[in-house]
Amino acid sequence: MDLSSLRPADGAKQSNNFRKGRGHASGNGKTAGRGHKGQKARSGGGTRPGFEGGQMPLYRRIPKRGFTCRNSKEIIGINLSALEVFDNDAVVSVDTLIEAGIVKNPKDGVKILGNGELTKKLTVQVNAFSAKAAEKIEALGGKAEVI
């Protein structure tokens, strides 16, 4: 095998020198694959996605349900038991949670929840705490700091 024998895989390259509407002999002349007349044959012709020929479209026929709040924040909840992976007297922040693999994407913030048990004294610096979580952290001599 040498460099001169290398070639692209079959179908990987297409010829880009094909020009529509250049006479009968080209195989795609005259109407250039658009058929005869009609909206889709015109330049700039066609319809928008979801258009049903003037019939009331599906997205308007179906009743709208529920409510979506556009201003809500997405807070990631972490249980206290997940903090057991850290050493005693460690400072736990959003960055250290990402490094430890506990949080992948912090989105709008991280909140510590009170589920599980904690046995280590930690300084935890995150966006929010539940009352129970803050109470458990401080009972062990740690600090629950809101950033």
Protein backbone atom coordinates (compact mmCIF):
# COMPACT_ATOMS: atom_id res chain seq x y z
CA MET A 1 0.00 0.00 0.00
CA ASP A 2 1.27 3.46 -0.86
CA LEU A 3 -0.07 7.01 -1.06
CA SER A 4 -0.85 6.74 -4.76
CA SER A 5 -3.39 3.97 -4.11
CA LEU A 6 -5.47 5.97 -1.61
CA ARG A 7 -8.90 7.11 -2.80
CA PRO A 8 -12.12 8.31 -1.13
CA ALA A 9 -14.78 5.76 -0.16
CA ASP A 10 -17.52 5.07 -2.70
CA GLY A 11 -20.24 7.72 -2.46
CA ALA A 12 -18.13 10.06 -0.31
CA LYS A 13 -17.61 12.56 -3.12
CA GLN A 14 -20.23 13.93 -5.49
CA SER A 15 -19.64 15.81 -8.70
CA ASN A 16 -20.66 19.41 -8.09
CA ASN A 17 -20.52 20.54 -11.72
CA PHE A 18 -24.13 19.55 -12.55
CA ARG A 19 -26.18 22.48 -13.90
CA LYS A 20 -29.94 22.27 -14.20
CA GLY A 21 -31.94 23.70 -17.07
CA ARG A 22 -29.30 23.46 -19.82
CA GLY A 23 -31.34 21.77 -22.58
CA HIS A 24 -33.08 18.44 -23.30
CA ALA A 25 -29.86 16.52 -23.80
CA SER A 26 -28.67 17.19 -20.25
CA GLY A 27 -31.45 14.99 -18.88
CA ASN A 28 -32.57 17.83 -16.65
CA GLY A 29 -33.46 20.60 -19.08
CA LYS A 30 -36.59 22.66 -19.75
CA THR A 31 -38.53 22.43 -16.46
CA ALA A 32 -35.35 21.32 -14.61
CA GLY A 33 -37.05 18.70 -12.45
CA ARG A 34 -39.79 21.06 -11.23
CA GLY A 35 -42.64 19.66 -13.33
CA HIS A 36 -45.15 21.93 -15.09
CA LYS A 37 -46.48 25.16 -13.56
CA GLY A 38 -47.82 25.38 -10.00
CA GLN A 39 -46.57 27.01 -6.85
CA LYS A 40 -43.52 24.78 -6.46
CA ALA A 41 -42.41 25.39 -10.06
CA ARG A 42 -42.04 29.16 -9.56
CA SER A 43 -38.89 30.90 -8.40
CA GLY A 44 -39.21 31.57 -4.70
CA GLY A 45 -42.18 29.22 -4.70
CA GLY A 46 -43.08 26.72 -2.03
CA THR A 47 -44.73 26.88 1.36
CA ARG A 48 -43.58 27.28 4.91
CA PRO A 49 -43.27 24.21 7.19
CA GLY A 50 -46.66 23.20 8.58
CA PHE A 51 -48.65 24.80 5.73
CA GLU A 52 -51.73 22.71 4.83
CA GLY A 53 -52.98 24.46 1.71
CA GLY A 54 -55.09 27.01 3.54
CA GLN A 55 -56.78 24.43 5.80
CA MET A 56 -56.55 25.36 9.47
CA PRO A 57 -53.17 23.80 10.39
CA LEU A 58 -52.77 21.12 13.01
CA TYR A 59 -50.86 23.32 15.45
CA ARG A 60 -53.85 25.71 15.50
CA ARG A 61 -56.57 23.03 15.55
CA ILE A 62 -55.30 21.33 18.71
CA PRO A 63 -56.13 22.96 22.06
CA LYS A 64 -53.25 24.48 23.97
CA ARG A 65 -52.75 23.02 27.44
CA GLY A 66 -50.68 23.81 30.48
CA PHE A 67 -48.36 26.66 31.22
CA THR A 68 -44.67 27.09 30.53
CA CYS A 69 -42.81 29.60 32.62
CA ARG A 70 -40.14 31.25 30.49
CA ASN A 71 -38.36 32.91 33.43
CA SER A 72 -37.84 29.92 35.72
CA LYS A 73 -34.33 28.88 36.71
CA GLU A 74 -33.13 25.29 36.59
CA ILE A 75 -31.41 24.44 39.86
CA ILE A 76 -29.57 21.11 40.22
CA GLY A 77 -30.31 19.30 43.49
CA ILE A 78 -27.57 17.29 45.24
CA ASN A 79 -28.19 15.09 48.29
CA LEU A 80 -25.98 15.43 51.37
CA SER A 81 -24.90 11.80 51.05
CA ALA A 82 -23.16 12.65 47.74
CA LEU A 83 -20.71 14.91 49.65
CA GLU A 84 -19.20 11.89 51.48
CA VAL A 85 -16.60 11.55 48.67
CA PHE A 86 -14.79 14.68 49.92
CA ASP A 87 -12.08 14.64 52.62
CA ASN A 88 -12.58 16.06 56.08
CA ASP A 89 -12.17 19.90 56.31
CA ALA A 90 -12.43 20.21 52.49
CA VAL A 91 -13.95 23.24 50.74
CA VAL A 92 -16.76 22.09 48.45
CA SER A 93 -17.76 24.47 45.64
CA VAL A 94 -19.57 24.08 42.32
CA ASP A 95 -16.19 23.63 40.59
CA THR A 96 -15.09 20.84 42.94
CA LEU A 97 -18.47 19.12 42.46
CA ILE A 98 -17.89 19.14 38.68
CA GLU A 99 -14.33 17.80 39.10
CA ALA A 100 -15.60 14.99 41.35
CA GLY A 101 -18.20 14.05 38.71
CA ILE A 102 -21.18 14.68 41.00
CA VAL A 103 -22.48 17.50 38.77
CA LYS A 104 -22.10 17.47 34.98
CA ASN A 105 -23.81 20.75 34.09
CA PRO A 106 -24.62 23.19 36.93
CA LYS A 107 -27.11 25.13 34.71
CA ASP A 108 -28.49 28.00 36.87
CA GLY A 109 -27.09 26.80 40.20
CA VAL A 110 -26.64 23.96 42.68
CA LYS A 111 -28.73 23.30 45.79
CA ILE A 112 -27.78 20.93 48.60
CA LEU A 113 -30.71 18.83 49.84
CA GLY A 114 -31.03 17.16 53.24
CA ASN A 115 -31.35 13.49 52.17
CA GLY A 116 -28.76 11.06 53.51
CA GLU A 117 -26.15 11.37 56.22
CA LEU A 118 -22.93 13.34 56.36
CA THR A 119 -20.05 12.34 58.66
CA LYS A 120 -17.40 14.90 57.71
CA LYS A 121 -16.78 18.54 58.57
CA LEU A 122 -17.02 20.45 55.26
CA THR A 123 -17.21 24.05 54.08
CA VAL A 124 -19.85 23.98 51.36
CA GLN A 125 -20.17 26.96 48.99
CA VAL A 126 -23.13 26.61 46.61
CA ASN A 127 -26.12 28.65 45.39
CA ALA A 128 -28.71 27.31 47.86
CA PHE A 129 -29.33 24.94 50.78
CA SER A 130 -32.44 23.31 52.16
CA ALA A 131 -32.99 24.12 55.85
CA LYS A 132 -32.33 20.50 56.84
CA ALA A 133 -29.09 20.31 54.83
CA ALA A 134 -27.68 23.52 56.31
CA GLU A 135 -28.62 22.30 59.79
CA LYS A 136 -26.84 18.94 59.31
CA ILE A 137 -23.67 20.55 57.88
CA GLU A 138 -23.40 23.04 60.77
CA ALA A 139 -24.15 20.33 63.39
CA LEU A 140 -20.87 18.65 62.35
CA GLY A 141 -18.92 21.93 62.69
CA GLY A 142 -18.93 22.73 58.96
CA LYS A 143 -20.11 25.87 57.16
CA ALA A 144 -22.98 26.27 54.68
CA GLU A 145 -22.10 29.37 52.62
CA VAL A 146 -24.47 30.71 49.95
CA ILE A 147 -22.61 32.18 46.95
